[in-house]
C-alpha cells in the first residue's frame, strides 16, 4: 500500500512552488500550453520519504498520515523526480526539504517582484562530502592561484594546456557527478566543460572558504 497525497494536496504543492520545479538548478516551469488550445503539466508531487516500504528514503517510523502529508511532498519536474530517486545518496531528506523551502520562498518573493539569493553555507556543503572538500582544500593550499579542475576516471589521461588544473577521480569519490551538482547548487563551483572534458571552476567565495577554514 502507498500513502499517496490527496488531489487537493497535489494542487497545493504545485501552487506553493509557483508551478516550477523545486530543484534550485532546474526551476523549470511545469505548466504551460500544449501547443494547441489546451494546457499540459510535467510536474510531479514527489514524496521526500517514500510512500511505501522499499522506496527511496523510506522512513519506517513515519505514520501513514505523515507520509501522505503535504509536508512530506516536493514539487518537481518529471526529469528531476526520476533523478532524486535514482541517485539517493546525492538527494538526502535534508537536501529535498531545503529545496522545498527555498522554492516556496522564491515563489513568495516572485509574486512581489523580488528575488532571493541563495546563502553560501559552505559548512553545510562540507558536511555532505567531507573527503572531497578536504582534498580540494589541500590542493588549493598548495596552489592558491588555481581555480580550475576536472573530474575523470583514473583509467584515462588528460593533456591540458600546461597550466595547473586539479583532478578528482570517480574511483576516489563515490557519486562524484552528483556531488558536482550539489556543489553547483551551493554556488561553490561553475561548470566550464568543453571538448567532452568535465571541467569546473571554484567560485571566489568558495575558494576563500577553503583558504580560510584550513
N, C-alpha and C. Protein backbone atom coordinates (compact mmCIF):
# COMPACT_ATOMS: atom_id res chain seq x y z
N UNK A 1 0.83 -1.19 0.00
CA UNK A 1 0.00 0.00 0.00
C UNK A 1 0.87 1.26 0.00
N UNK A 2 0.48 2.23 -0.82
CA UNK A 2 1.18 3.50 -0.88
C UNK A 2 0.39 4.57 -0.14
N UNK A 3 1.10 5.42 0.57
CA UNK A 3 0.47 6.54 1.27
C UNK A 3 0.52 7.76 0.35
N UNK A 4 -0.42 7.84 -0.55
CA UNK A 4 -0.43 8.87 -1.58
C UNK A 4 -0.99 10.19 -1.07
N UNK A 5 -0.66 11.26 -1.76
CA UNK A 5 -1.21 12.57 -1.46
C UNK A 5 -2.64 12.66 -2.00
N UNK A 6 -3.43 13.51 -1.40
CA UNK A 6 -4.75 13.80 -1.96
C UNK A 6 -4.58 14.71 -3.17
N UNK A 7 -5.56 14.75 -4.04
CA UNK A 7 -5.50 15.63 -5.20
C UNK A 7 -5.41 17.09 -4.77
N UNK A 8 -6.07 17.42 -3.67
CA UNK A 8 -6.00 18.80 -3.17
C UNK A 8 -4.58 19.15 -2.76
N UNK A 9 -3.88 18.20 -2.13
CA UNK A 9 -2.50 18.46 -1.71
C UNK A 9 -1.56 18.53 -2.91
N UNK A 10 -1.81 17.75 -3.94
CA UNK A 10 -1.00 17.82 -5.17
C UNK A 10 -1.11 19.22 -5.77
N UNK A 11 -2.31 19.72 -5.86
CA UNK A 11 -2.51 21.06 -6.41
C UNK A 11 -1.86 22.13 -5.53
N UNK A 12 -1.93 21.93 -4.21
CA UNK A 12 -1.33 22.90 -3.30
C UNK A 12 0.20 22.91 -3.41
N UNK A 13 0.82 21.73 -3.54
CA UNK A 13 2.27 21.66 -3.72
C UNK A 13 2.70 22.42 -4.97
N UNK A 14 1.94 22.25 -6.05
CA UNK A 14 2.26 22.95 -7.30
C UNK A 14 2.15 24.46 -7.11
N UNK A 15 1.09 24.89 -6.44
CA UNK A 15 0.90 26.34 -6.23
C UNK A 15 1.99 26.92 -5.34
N UNK A 16 2.34 26.20 -4.27
CA UNK A 16 3.34 26.71 -3.34
C UNK A 16 4.71 26.90 -4.00
N UNK A 17 5.00 26.11 -5.02
CA UNK A 17 6.28 26.23 -5.72
C UNK A 17 6.20 27.19 -6.90
N UNK A 18 5.04 27.79 -7.09
CA UNK A 18 4.88 28.67 -8.25
C UNK A 18 4.84 27.90 -9.56
N UNK A 19 4.45 26.62 -9.49
CA UNK A 19 4.38 25.74 -10.67
C UNK A 19 5.75 25.58 -11.35
N UNK A 20 6.80 25.69 -10.53
CA UNK A 20 8.15 25.47 -11.05
C UNK A 20 8.80 24.32 -10.30
N UNK A 21 9.71 23.62 -10.97
CA UNK A 21 10.46 22.55 -10.33
C UNK A 21 11.23 23.10 -9.14
N UNK A 22 11.21 22.38 -8.02
CA UNK A 22 11.86 22.86 -6.80
C UNK A 22 13.36 22.64 -6.78
N UNK A 23 13.89 21.89 -7.75
CA UNK A 23 15.35 21.72 -7.84
C UNK A 23 15.96 23.08 -8.16
N UNK A 24 16.79 23.65 -7.27
CA UNK A 24 17.31 25.00 -7.50
C UNK A 24 18.17 25.15 -8.75
N UNK A 25 18.71 24.04 -9.27
CA UNK A 25 19.49 24.13 -10.50
C UNK A 25 18.63 23.86 -11.74
N UNK A 26 17.35 23.66 -11.54
CA UNK A 26 16.43 23.41 -12.66
C UNK A 26 15.43 24.56 -12.79
N UNK A 27 14.49 24.63 -11.84
CA UNK A 27 13.47 25.71 -11.81
C UNK A 27 12.67 25.77 -13.12
N UNK A 28 12.47 24.62 -13.74
CA UNK A 28 11.74 24.54 -15.00
C UNK A 28 10.24 24.74 -14.76
N UNK A 29 9.57 25.58 -15.56
CA UNK A 29 8.11 25.68 -15.46
C UNK A 29 7.47 24.32 -15.74
N UNK A 30 6.45 23.98 -14.98
CA UNK A 30 5.85 22.65 -15.11
C UNK A 30 4.45 22.69 -15.71
N UNK A 31 3.93 23.87 -15.98
CA UNK A 31 2.60 24.01 -16.56
C UNK A 31 2.67 25.00 -17.70
N UNK A 32 2.01 24.67 -18.81
CA UNK A 32 2.01 25.59 -19.95
C UNK A 32 1.11 25.08 -21.06
N UNK A 33 1.15 25.78 -22.15
CA UNK A 33 0.33 25.42 -23.31
C UNK A 33 0.76 24.08 -23.89
N UNK A 34 -0.20 23.33 -24.42
CA UNK A 34 0.12 22.07 -25.08
C UNK A 34 0.38 22.26 -26.57
N UNK A 35 0.49 23.51 -27.00
CA UNK A 35 0.72 23.81 -28.41
C UNK A 35 -0.55 23.99 -29.19
N UNK A 36 -1.66 23.71 -28.55
CA UNK A 36 -2.96 23.89 -29.18
C UNK A 36 -3.81 24.83 -28.34
N UNK A 37 -5.00 24.40 -28.05
CA UNK A 37 -5.91 25.24 -27.27
C UNK A 37 -5.97 24.82 -25.80
N UNK A 38 -5.22 23.79 -25.46
CA UNK A 38 -5.24 23.29 -24.08
C UNK A 38 -3.94 23.57 -23.34
N UNK A 39 -3.79 22.94 -22.21
CA UNK A 39 -2.58 23.08 -21.40
C UNK A 39 -2.07 21.71 -21.02
N UNK A 40 -0.82 21.66 -20.58
CA UNK A 40 -0.22 20.40 -20.16
C UNK A 40 0.66 20.63 -18.94
N UNK A 41 0.91 19.57 -18.19
CA UNK A 41 1.73 19.66 -16.99
C UNK A 41 2.79 18.57 -17.00
N UNK A 42 4.02 18.94 -16.62
CA UNK A 42 5.09 17.95 -16.47
C UNK A 42 5.53 17.90 -15.01
N UNK A 43 4.68 18.40 -14.12
CA UNK A 43 5.01 18.43 -12.70
C UNK A 43 4.64 17.15 -11.99
N UNK A 44 5.40 16.85 -10.92
CA UNK A 44 5.17 15.65 -10.12
C UNK A 44 5.18 16.03 -8.64
N UNK A 45 4.16 15.59 -7.92
CA UNK A 45 4.15 15.73 -6.46
C UNK A 45 4.91 14.53 -5.90
N UNK A 46 6.20 14.71 -5.65
CA UNK A 46 7.07 13.60 -5.24
C UNK A 46 7.13 13.51 -3.72
N UNK A 47 7.26 12.29 -3.23
CA UNK A 47 7.44 12.06 -1.79
C UNK A 47 8.91 12.27 -1.42
N UNK A 48 9.16 13.02 -0.38
CA UNK A 48 10.52 13.17 0.12
C UNK A 48 10.96 11.85 0.77
N UNK A 49 10.15 11.35 1.70
CA UNK A 49 10.32 10.00 2.23
C UNK A 49 9.29 9.12 1.53
N UNK A 50 9.72 8.00 1.01
CA UNK A 50 8.91 7.17 0.13
C UNK A 50 7.52 6.87 0.70
N UNK A 51 6.57 6.72 -0.22
CA UNK A 51 5.19 6.43 0.16
C UNK A 51 4.99 4.99 0.57
N UNK A 52 5.96 4.12 0.27
CA UNK A 52 5.84 2.70 0.60
C UNK A 52 7.20 2.11 0.91
N UNK A 53 7.19 1.03 1.66
CA UNK A 53 8.44 0.36 2.04
C UNK A 53 9.22 -0.06 0.80
N UNK A 54 10.54 0.13 0.86
CA UNK A 54 11.40 -0.22 -0.27
C UNK A 54 11.65 0.93 -1.20
N UNK A 55 10.92 2.02 -1.02
CA UNK A 55 11.11 3.19 -1.88
C UNK A 55 12.23 4.08 -1.39
N UNK A 56 12.60 5.07 -2.19
CA UNK A 56 13.71 5.97 -1.84
C UNK A 56 13.45 6.75 -0.56
N UNK A 57 14.42 6.71 0.33
CA UNK A 57 14.40 7.46 1.59
C UNK A 57 13.21 7.04 2.49
N UNK A 58 12.77 5.79 2.38
CA UNK A 58 11.65 5.33 3.21
C UNK A 58 12.01 5.42 4.68
N UNK A 59 11.08 5.95 5.47
CA UNK A 59 11.28 6.13 6.91
C UNK A 59 10.21 5.31 7.62
N UNK A 60 10.62 4.17 8.17
CA UNK A 60 9.64 3.23 8.73
C UNK A 60 8.94 3.75 9.96
N UNK A 61 9.51 4.73 10.64
CA UNK A 61 8.90 5.25 11.86
C UNK A 61 7.81 6.30 11.58
N UNK A 62 7.70 6.72 10.33
CA UNK A 62 6.66 7.69 9.98
C UNK A 62 5.29 7.00 9.97
N UNK A 63 4.27 7.74 10.33
CA UNK A 63 2.90 7.23 10.26
C UNK A 63 2.36 7.40 8.85
N UNK A 64 1.23 6.76 8.58
CA UNK A 64 0.57 6.91 7.29
C UNK A 64 0.22 8.37 7.03
N UNK A 65 -0.25 9.04 8.07
CA UNK A 65 -0.63 10.46 7.92
C UNK A 65 0.59 11.31 7.60
N UNK A 66 1.72 11.02 8.22
CA UNK A 66 2.93 11.80 7.96
C UNK A 66 3.46 11.57 6.54
N UNK A 67 3.40 10.31 6.08
CA UNK A 67 3.89 10.03 4.72
C UNK A 67 3.03 10.70 3.66
N UNK A 68 1.75 10.76 3.89
CA UNK A 68 0.83 11.33 2.89
C UNK A 68 0.60 12.82 3.11
N UNK A 69 1.29 13.39 4.10
CA UNK A 69 1.14 14.82 4.40
C UNK A 69 1.85 15.67 3.35
N UNK A 70 1.32 16.84 3.12
CA UNK A 70 1.95 17.78 2.18
C UNK A 70 3.34 18.18 2.66
N UNK A 71 3.60 18.04 3.96
CA UNK A 71 4.93 18.35 4.49
C UNK A 71 5.98 17.37 3.97
N UNK A 72 5.54 16.19 3.54
CA UNK A 72 6.45 15.18 3.00
C UNK A 72 6.49 15.21 1.48
N UNK A 73 5.97 16.27 0.90
CA UNK A 73 5.92 16.38 -0.56
C UNK A 73 6.79 17.49 -1.09
N UNK A 74 7.25 17.32 -2.32
CA UNK A 74 8.03 18.34 -3.02
C UNK A 74 7.61 18.34 -4.48
N UNK A 75 7.46 19.50 -5.06
CA UNK A 75 7.04 19.63 -6.46
C UNK A 75 8.26 19.65 -7.37
N UNK A 76 8.32 18.70 -8.31
CA UNK A 76 9.45 18.56 -9.21
C UNK A 76 8.96 18.35 -10.63
N UNK A 77 9.82 18.64 -11.60
CA UNK A 77 9.52 18.24 -12.97
C UNK A 77 9.76 16.73 -13.08
N UNK A 78 9.28 16.11 -14.14
CA UNK A 78 9.41 14.66 -14.27
C UNK A 78 10.87 14.22 -14.31
N UNK A 79 11.73 15.01 -14.95
CA UNK A 79 13.14 14.65 -15.04
C UNK A 79 13.80 14.64 -13.66
N UNK A 80 13.58 15.69 -12.88
CA UNK A 80 14.20 15.78 -11.56
C UNK A 80 13.58 14.78 -10.58
N UNK A 81 12.31 14.45 -10.78
CA UNK A 81 11.67 13.44 -9.95
C UNK A 81 12.37 12.10 -10.10
N UNK A 82 12.71 11.75 -11.34
CA UNK A 82 13.43 10.49 -11.57
C UNK A 82 14.86 10.58 -11.04
N UNK A 83 15.49 11.76 -11.18
CA UNK A 83 16.87 11.94 -10.73
C UNK A 83 17.01 11.73 -9.24
N UNK A 84 16.14 12.34 -8.43
CA UNK A 84 16.30 12.27 -6.98
C UNK A 84 16.07 10.85 -6.46
N UNK A 85 15.30 10.05 -7.19
CA UNK A 85 15.07 8.67 -6.77
C UNK A 85 16.14 7.72 -7.29
N UNK A 86 16.80 8.10 -8.38
CA UNK A 86 17.85 7.24 -8.94
C UNK A 86 19.18 7.45 -8.24
N UNK A 87 19.43 8.66 -7.73
CA UNK A 87 20.69 8.99 -7.06
C UNK A 87 20.39 9.41 -5.64
N UNK A 88 20.02 8.45 -4.81
CA UNK A 88 19.58 8.73 -3.45
C UNK A 88 20.68 9.36 -2.58
N UNK A 89 21.94 8.87 -2.64
CA UNK A 89 22.97 9.48 -1.78
C UNK A 89 23.16 10.98 -2.00
N UNK A 90 22.92 11.44 -3.21
CA UNK A 90 23.09 12.86 -3.51
C UNK A 90 21.84 13.68 -3.21
N UNK A 91 20.75 13.00 -2.85
CA UNK A 91 19.49 13.70 -2.61
C UNK A 91 18.88 13.19 -1.31
N UNK A 92 19.46 13.65 -0.22
CA UNK A 92 19.03 13.22 1.11
C UNK A 92 17.71 13.88 1.48
N UNK A 93 17.13 13.42 2.58
CA UNK A 93 15.89 14.02 3.10
C UNK A 93 16.12 15.51 3.38
N UNK A 94 17.24 15.84 4.03
CA UNK A 94 17.53 17.25 4.36
C UNK A 94 17.68 18.09 3.10
N UNK A 95 18.34 17.54 2.08
CA UNK A 95 18.51 18.28 0.83
C UNK A 95 17.18 18.60 0.18
N UNK A 96 16.28 17.62 0.14
CA UNK A 96 14.98 17.83 -0.50
C UNK A 96 14.11 18.81 0.29
N UNK A 97 14.19 18.75 1.61
CA UNK A 97 13.46 19.74 2.42
C UNK A 97 14.02 21.14 2.18
N UNK A 98 15.32 21.22 1.99
CA UNK A 98 15.96 22.51 1.70
C UNK A 98 15.48 23.05 0.36
N UNK A 99 15.45 22.16 -0.66
CA UNK A 99 14.93 22.57 -1.97
C UNK A 99 13.50 23.08 -1.86
N UNK A 100 12.67 22.34 -1.14
CA UNK A 100 11.26 22.69 -0.99
C UNK A 100 11.10 24.08 -0.37
N UNK A 101 11.82 24.32 0.72
CA UNK A 101 11.72 25.60 1.42
C UNK A 101 12.18 26.75 0.54
N UNK A 102 13.31 26.56 -0.13
CA UNK A 102 13.84 27.60 -0.99
C UNK A 102 12.89 27.90 -2.15
N UNK A 103 12.28 26.86 -2.71
CA UNK A 103 11.33 27.04 -3.81
C UNK A 103 10.12 27.85 -3.36
N UNK A 104 9.62 27.55 -2.17
CA UNK A 104 8.47 28.28 -1.65
C UNK A 104 8.81 29.75 -1.38
N UNK A 105 10.03 29.99 -0.89
CA UNK A 105 10.46 31.37 -0.65
C UNK A 105 10.55 32.13 -1.98
N UNK A 106 11.13 31.47 -3.00
CA UNK A 106 11.25 32.11 -4.30
C UNK A 106 9.89 32.42 -4.91
N UNK A 107 8.94 31.50 -4.76
CA UNK A 107 7.60 31.73 -5.28
C UNK A 107 6.93 32.89 -4.55
N UNK A 108 7.12 32.95 -3.24
CA UNK A 108 6.55 34.04 -2.43
C UNK A 108 7.10 35.39 -2.88
N UNK A 109 8.42 35.46 -3.06
CA UNK A 109 9.05 36.72 -3.45
C UNK A 109 8.74 37.09 -4.90
N UNK A 110 8.61 36.09 -5.77
CA UNK A 110 8.33 36.37 -7.17
C UNK A 110 7.00 37.09 -7.32
N UNK A 111 6.01 36.74 -6.49
CA UNK A 111 4.71 37.43 -6.54
C UNK A 111 4.84 38.90 -6.19
N UNK A 112 5.90 39.23 -5.46
CA UNK A 112 6.13 40.61 -5.02
C UNK A 112 7.23 41.29 -5.82
N UNK A 113 7.59 40.65 -6.95
CA UNK A 113 8.60 41.17 -7.86
C UNK A 113 9.94 41.34 -7.15
N UNK A 114 10.26 40.40 -6.26
CA UNK A 114 11.52 40.40 -5.55
C UNK A 114 12.27 39.14 -5.91
N UNK A 115 13.52 39.05 -5.47
CA UNK A 115 14.36 37.91 -5.80
C UNK A 115 15.15 37.48 -4.58
N UNK A 116 15.41 36.18 -4.46
CA UNK A 116 16.17 35.68 -3.33
C UNK A 116 17.52 35.17 -3.81
N UNK A 117 18.55 35.49 -3.05
CA UNK A 117 19.89 34.96 -3.34
C UNK A 117 20.17 33.82 -2.37
N UNK A 118 20.60 32.70 -2.89
CA UNK A 118 20.85 31.53 -2.04
C UNK A 118 22.08 31.76 -1.18
N UNK A 119 21.95 31.58 0.14
CA UNK A 119 23.11 31.79 1.01
C UNK A 119 24.20 30.76 0.75
N UNK A 120 25.45 31.19 0.89
CA UNK A 120 26.59 30.31 0.67
C UNK A 120 26.96 29.65 1.99
N UNK A 121 26.25 28.61 2.35
CA UNK A 121 26.53 27.90 3.59
C UNK A 121 27.47 26.75 3.28
N UNK A 122 28.73 27.07 3.11
CA UNK A 122 29.70 26.05 2.71
C UNK A 122 30.00 25.06 3.83
N UNK A 123 29.72 25.44 5.08
CA UNK A 123 29.89 24.48 6.17
C UNK A 123 28.94 23.31 5.98
N UNK A 124 27.71 23.59 5.59
CA UNK A 124 26.74 22.53 5.35
C UNK A 124 27.15 21.69 4.14
N UNK A 125 27.69 22.34 3.13
CA UNK A 125 28.17 21.61 1.96
C UNK A 125 29.28 20.64 2.36
N UNK A 126 30.19 21.07 3.21
CA UNK A 126 31.31 20.22 3.60
C UNK A 126 30.84 19.00 4.39
N UNK A 127 29.75 19.16 5.15
CA UNK A 127 29.22 18.02 5.89
C UNK A 127 28.72 16.92 4.96
N UNK A 128 28.29 17.31 3.76
CA UNK A 128 27.76 16.34 2.81
C UNK A 128 28.86 15.53 2.13
N UNK A 129 30.03 16.11 1.99
CA UNK A 129 31.12 15.45 1.26
C UNK A 129 32.48 15.84 1.84
N UNK A 130 32.75 15.47 3.09
CA UNK A 130 33.97 15.94 3.79
C UNK A 130 35.27 15.52 3.12
N UNK A 131 35.33 14.29 2.57
CA UNK A 131 36.58 13.83 1.96
C UNK A 131 36.93 14.64 0.72
N UNK A 132 35.93 14.90 -0.12
CA UNK A 132 36.17 15.67 -1.34
C UNK A 132 36.58 17.09 -1.01
N UNK A 133 35.88 17.73 -0.08
CA UNK A 133 36.21 19.12 0.28
C UNK A 133 37.60 19.19 0.89
N UNK A 134 37.97 18.18 1.69
CA UNK A 134 39.32 18.16 2.29
C UNK A 134 40.39 18.08 1.20
N UNK A 135 40.13 17.29 0.17
CA UNK A 135 41.09 17.18 -0.93
C UNK A 135 41.19 18.50 -1.70
N UNK A 136 40.05 19.13 -1.92
CA UNK A 136 40.05 20.44 -2.59
C UNK A 136 40.83 21.46 -1.79
N UNK A 137 40.63 21.44 -0.47
CA UNK A 137 41.32 22.40 0.41
C UNK A 137 42.84 22.19 0.34
N UNK A 138 43.26 20.94 0.35
CA UNK A 138 44.69 20.64 0.28
C UNK A 138 45.28 21.10 -1.05
N UNK A 139 44.55 20.84 -2.15
CA UNK A 139 45.03 21.26 -3.46
C UNK A 139 45.18 22.78 -3.54
N UNK A 140 44.17 23.48 -3.02
CA UNK A 140 44.21 24.94 -3.09
C UNK A 140 45.29 25.51 -2.20
N UNK A 141 45.58 24.85 -1.08
CA UNK A 141 46.65 25.29 -0.19
C UNK A 141 48.00 25.21 -0.90
N UNK A 142 48.17 24.17 -1.71
CA UNK A 142 49.44 24.01 -2.44
C UNK A 142 49.52 24.86 -3.69
N UNK A 143 48.35 25.22 -4.23
CA UNK A 143 48.30 26.02 -5.48
C UNK A 143 47.23 27.10 -5.33
N UNK A 144 47.50 28.15 -4.57
CA UNK A 144 46.47 29.12 -4.19
C UNK A 144 45.90 29.95 -5.34
N UNK A 145 46.53 29.93 -6.50
CA UNK A 145 46.01 30.73 -7.62
C UNK A 145 45.33 29.87 -8.68
N UNK A 146 45.15 28.60 -8.39
CA UNK A 146 44.46 27.70 -9.31
C UNK A 146 42.98 27.64 -8.95
N UNK A 147 42.14 27.66 -9.97
CA UNK A 147 40.70 27.60 -9.75
C UNK A 147 40.03 26.46 -10.53
N UNK A 148 40.65 25.99 -11.59
CA UNK A 148 40.01 25.01 -12.45
C UNK A 148 40.32 23.58 -12.02
N UNK A 149 39.35 22.69 -12.27
CA UNK A 149 39.59 21.27 -12.02
C UNK A 149 38.72 20.43 -12.96
N UNK A 150 39.11 19.18 -13.12
CA UNK A 150 38.36 18.25 -13.94
C UNK A 150 38.00 17.03 -13.09
N UNK A 151 36.96 16.31 -13.50
CA UNK A 151 36.64 15.04 -12.88
C UNK A 151 36.75 13.97 -13.96
N UNK A 152 37.31 12.82 -13.60
CA UNK A 152 37.57 11.80 -14.61
C UNK A 152 37.87 10.47 -13.93
N UNK A 153 38.03 9.44 -14.75
CA UNK A 153 38.43 8.12 -14.27
C UNK A 153 39.95 8.01 -14.31
N UNK A 154 40.49 7.24 -13.39
CA UNK A 154 41.93 7.02 -13.38
C UNK A 154 42.39 6.20 -14.59
N UNK A 155 41.46 5.59 -15.28
CA UNK A 155 41.80 4.82 -16.48
C UNK A 155 42.15 5.72 -17.65
N UNK A 156 41.81 7.00 -17.56
CA UNK A 156 42.02 7.93 -18.65
C UNK A 156 43.16 8.89 -18.32
N UNK A 157 43.65 9.54 -19.33
CA UNK A 157 44.67 10.58 -19.16
C UNK A 157 44.15 11.88 -19.73
N UNK A 158 44.68 12.97 -19.22
CA UNK A 158 44.26 14.29 -19.70
C UNK A 158 45.49 15.14 -19.99
N UNK A 159 45.56 15.62 -21.20
CA UNK A 159 46.65 16.51 -21.60
C UNK A 159 46.10 17.93 -21.70
N UNK A 160 46.37 18.73 -20.68
CA UNK A 160 45.84 20.08 -20.64
C UNK A 160 46.71 21.07 -21.40
N UNK A 161 46.51 22.31 -21.09
CA UNK A 161 47.22 23.38 -21.80
C UNK A 161 48.57 23.70 -21.16
N UNK A 162 48.96 22.93 -20.16
CA UNK A 162 50.23 23.19 -19.49
C UNK A 162 50.07 23.90 -18.17
N UNK A 163 48.92 24.51 -17.92
CA UNK A 163 48.71 25.19 -16.64
C UNK A 163 48.19 24.19 -15.61
N UNK A 164 48.32 24.55 -14.35
CA UNK A 164 47.91 23.66 -13.27
C UNK A 164 46.39 23.54 -13.23
N UNK A 165 45.90 22.32 -13.25
CA UNK A 165 44.47 22.03 -13.13
C UNK A 165 44.32 20.86 -12.16
N UNK A 166 43.48 21.01 -11.17
CA UNK A 166 43.25 19.94 -10.22
C UNK A 166 42.44 18.82 -10.88
N UNK A 167 42.60 17.60 -10.36
CA UNK A 167 41.86 16.44 -10.87
C UNK A 167 41.25 15.67 -9.71
N UNK A 168 39.99 15.29 -9.87
CA UNK A 168 39.32 14.45 -8.88
C UNK A 168 38.72 13.24 -9.60
N UNK A 169 38.86 12.08 -8.99
CA UNK A 169 38.60 10.84 -9.70
C UNK A 169 37.37 10.10 -9.17
N UNK A 170 36.65 9.49 -10.11
CA UNK A 170 35.46 8.72 -9.76
C UNK A 170 35.80 7.58 -8.80
N UNK A 171 36.98 7.00 -8.98
CA UNK A 171 37.38 5.88 -8.12
C UNK A 171 37.61 6.31 -6.67
N UNK A 172 37.94 7.58 -6.45
CA UNK A 172 38.22 8.07 -5.10
C UNK A 172 36.98 8.62 -4.40
N UNK A 173 35.98 9.06 -5.19
CA UNK A 173 34.83 9.73 -4.61
C UNK A 173 33.55 9.18 -5.23
N UNK A 174 32.81 8.44 -4.44
CA UNK A 174 31.56 7.84 -4.91
C UNK A 174 30.56 8.94 -5.25
N UNK A 175 29.78 8.71 -6.30
CA UNK A 175 28.74 9.66 -6.75
C UNK A 175 29.33 11.05 -7.04
N UNK A 176 30.48 11.07 -7.69
CA UNK A 176 31.20 12.33 -7.90
C UNK A 176 30.40 13.30 -8.76
N UNK A 177 29.74 12.82 -9.80
CA UNK A 177 28.96 13.73 -10.64
C UNK A 177 27.80 14.34 -9.87
N UNK A 178 27.17 13.53 -9.02
CA UNK A 178 26.10 14.08 -8.18
C UNK A 178 26.62 15.12 -7.22
N UNK A 179 27.81 14.91 -6.70
CA UNK A 179 28.41 15.88 -5.80
C UNK A 179 28.72 17.19 -6.52
N UNK A 180 29.07 17.10 -7.80
CA UNK A 180 29.30 18.31 -8.58
C UNK A 180 28.01 19.13 -8.71
N UNK A 181 26.89 18.42 -8.89
CA UNK A 181 25.60 19.10 -8.97
C UNK A 181 25.30 19.84 -7.68
N UNK A 182 25.54 19.18 -6.54
CA UNK A 182 25.28 19.82 -5.25
C UNK A 182 26.21 21.02 -5.04
N UNK A 183 27.49 20.87 -5.40
CA UNK A 183 28.43 21.99 -5.28
C UNK A 183 27.96 23.18 -6.11
N UNK A 184 27.43 22.89 -7.29
CA UNK A 184 26.91 23.96 -8.13
C UNK A 184 25.70 24.63 -7.50
N UNK A 185 24.82 23.81 -6.90
CA UNK A 185 23.63 24.36 -6.23
C UNK A 185 24.01 25.30 -5.09
N UNK A 186 25.14 25.00 -4.43
CA UNK A 186 25.59 25.83 -3.31
C UNK A 186 26.41 27.04 -3.76
N UNK A 187 26.62 27.18 -5.05
CA UNK A 187 27.42 28.31 -5.52
C UNK A 187 28.90 28.13 -5.28
N UNK A 188 29.35 26.87 -5.11
CA UNK A 188 30.77 26.62 -4.84
C UNK A 188 31.58 26.50 -6.12
N UNK A 189 30.95 26.03 -7.19
CA UNK A 189 31.65 25.81 -8.45
C UNK A 189 30.79 26.26 -9.62
N UNK A 190 31.44 26.43 -10.76
CA UNK A 190 30.75 26.75 -12.02
C UNK A 190 31.25 25.76 -13.07
N UNK A 191 30.34 25.17 -13.81
CA UNK A 191 30.75 24.21 -14.85
C UNK A 191 31.27 24.96 -16.07
N UNK A 192 32.44 24.56 -16.57
CA UNK A 192 33.03 25.15 -17.77
C UNK A 192 33.47 24.05 -18.73
N UNK A 193 32.69 22.97 -18.78
CA UNK A 193 33.02 21.81 -19.61
C UNK A 193 33.18 22.20 -21.08
N UNK A 194 34.21 21.65 -21.72
CA UNK A 194 34.37 21.76 -23.17
C UNK A 194 35.25 20.61 -23.65
N UNK A 195 35.14 20.32 -24.96
CA UNK A 195 35.88 19.20 -25.56
C UNK A 195 35.63 17.88 -24.83
N UNK A 196 34.38 17.70 -24.36
CA UNK A 196 33.96 16.47 -23.68
C UNK A 196 34.72 16.18 -22.40
N UNK A 197 35.36 17.19 -21.84
CA UNK A 197 36.05 17.06 -20.55
C UNK A 197 35.22 17.76 -19.49
N UNK A 198 34.85 17.03 -18.42
CA UNK A 198 34.03 17.60 -17.36
C UNK A 198 34.90 18.52 -16.51
N UNK A 199 34.84 19.79 -16.83
CA UNK A 199 35.72 20.78 -16.20
C UNK A 199 34.88 21.78 -15.40
N UNK A 200 35.42 22.19 -14.26
CA UNK A 200 34.73 23.11 -13.37
C UNK A 200 35.71 24.17 -12.85
N UNK A 201 35.15 25.18 -12.22
CA UNK A 201 35.97 26.25 -11.65
C UNK A 201 35.41 26.63 -10.29
N UNK A 202 36.29 26.75 -9.29
CA UNK A 202 35.87 27.22 -7.99
C UNK A 202 35.39 28.67 -8.09
N UNK A 203 34.30 29.01 -7.42
CA UNK A 203 33.94 30.42 -7.29
C UNK A 203 34.88 31.05 -6.26
N UNK A 204 35.03 32.35 -6.32
CA UNK A 204 35.93 33.02 -5.37
C UNK A 204 35.43 32.87 -3.94
N UNK A 205 34.10 32.90 -3.76
CA UNK A 205 33.57 32.73 -2.42
C UNK A 205 33.94 31.39 -1.82
N UNK A 206 33.87 30.33 -2.63
CA UNK A 206 34.22 29.01 -2.14
C UNK A 206 35.73 28.88 -1.93
N UNK A 207 36.52 29.48 -2.82
CA UNK A 207 37.98 29.46 -2.66
C UNK A 207 38.38 30.16 -1.36
N UNK A 208 37.72 31.25 -1.06
CA UNK A 208 38.01 31.97 0.19
C UNK A 208 37.63 31.12 1.40
N UNK A 209 36.52 30.37 1.28
CA UNK A 209 36.12 29.47 2.36
C UNK A 209 37.18 28.39 2.58
N UNK A 210 37.65 27.78 1.50
CA UNK A 210 38.67 26.74 1.61
C UNK A 210 39.96 27.28 2.22
N UNK A 211 40.36 28.45 1.81
CA UNK A 211 41.60 29.03 2.29
C UNK A 211 41.47 29.49 3.75
N UNK A 212 40.27 29.93 4.12
CA UNK A 212 40.10 30.49 5.46
C UNK A 212 39.76 29.47 6.52
N UNK A 213 39.41 28.23 6.12
CA UNK A 213 38.99 27.24 7.11
C UNK A 213 39.94 26.05 7.16
N UNK A 214 41.15 26.24 6.64
CA UNK A 214 42.12 25.13 6.64
C UNK A 214 42.74 24.94 8.02
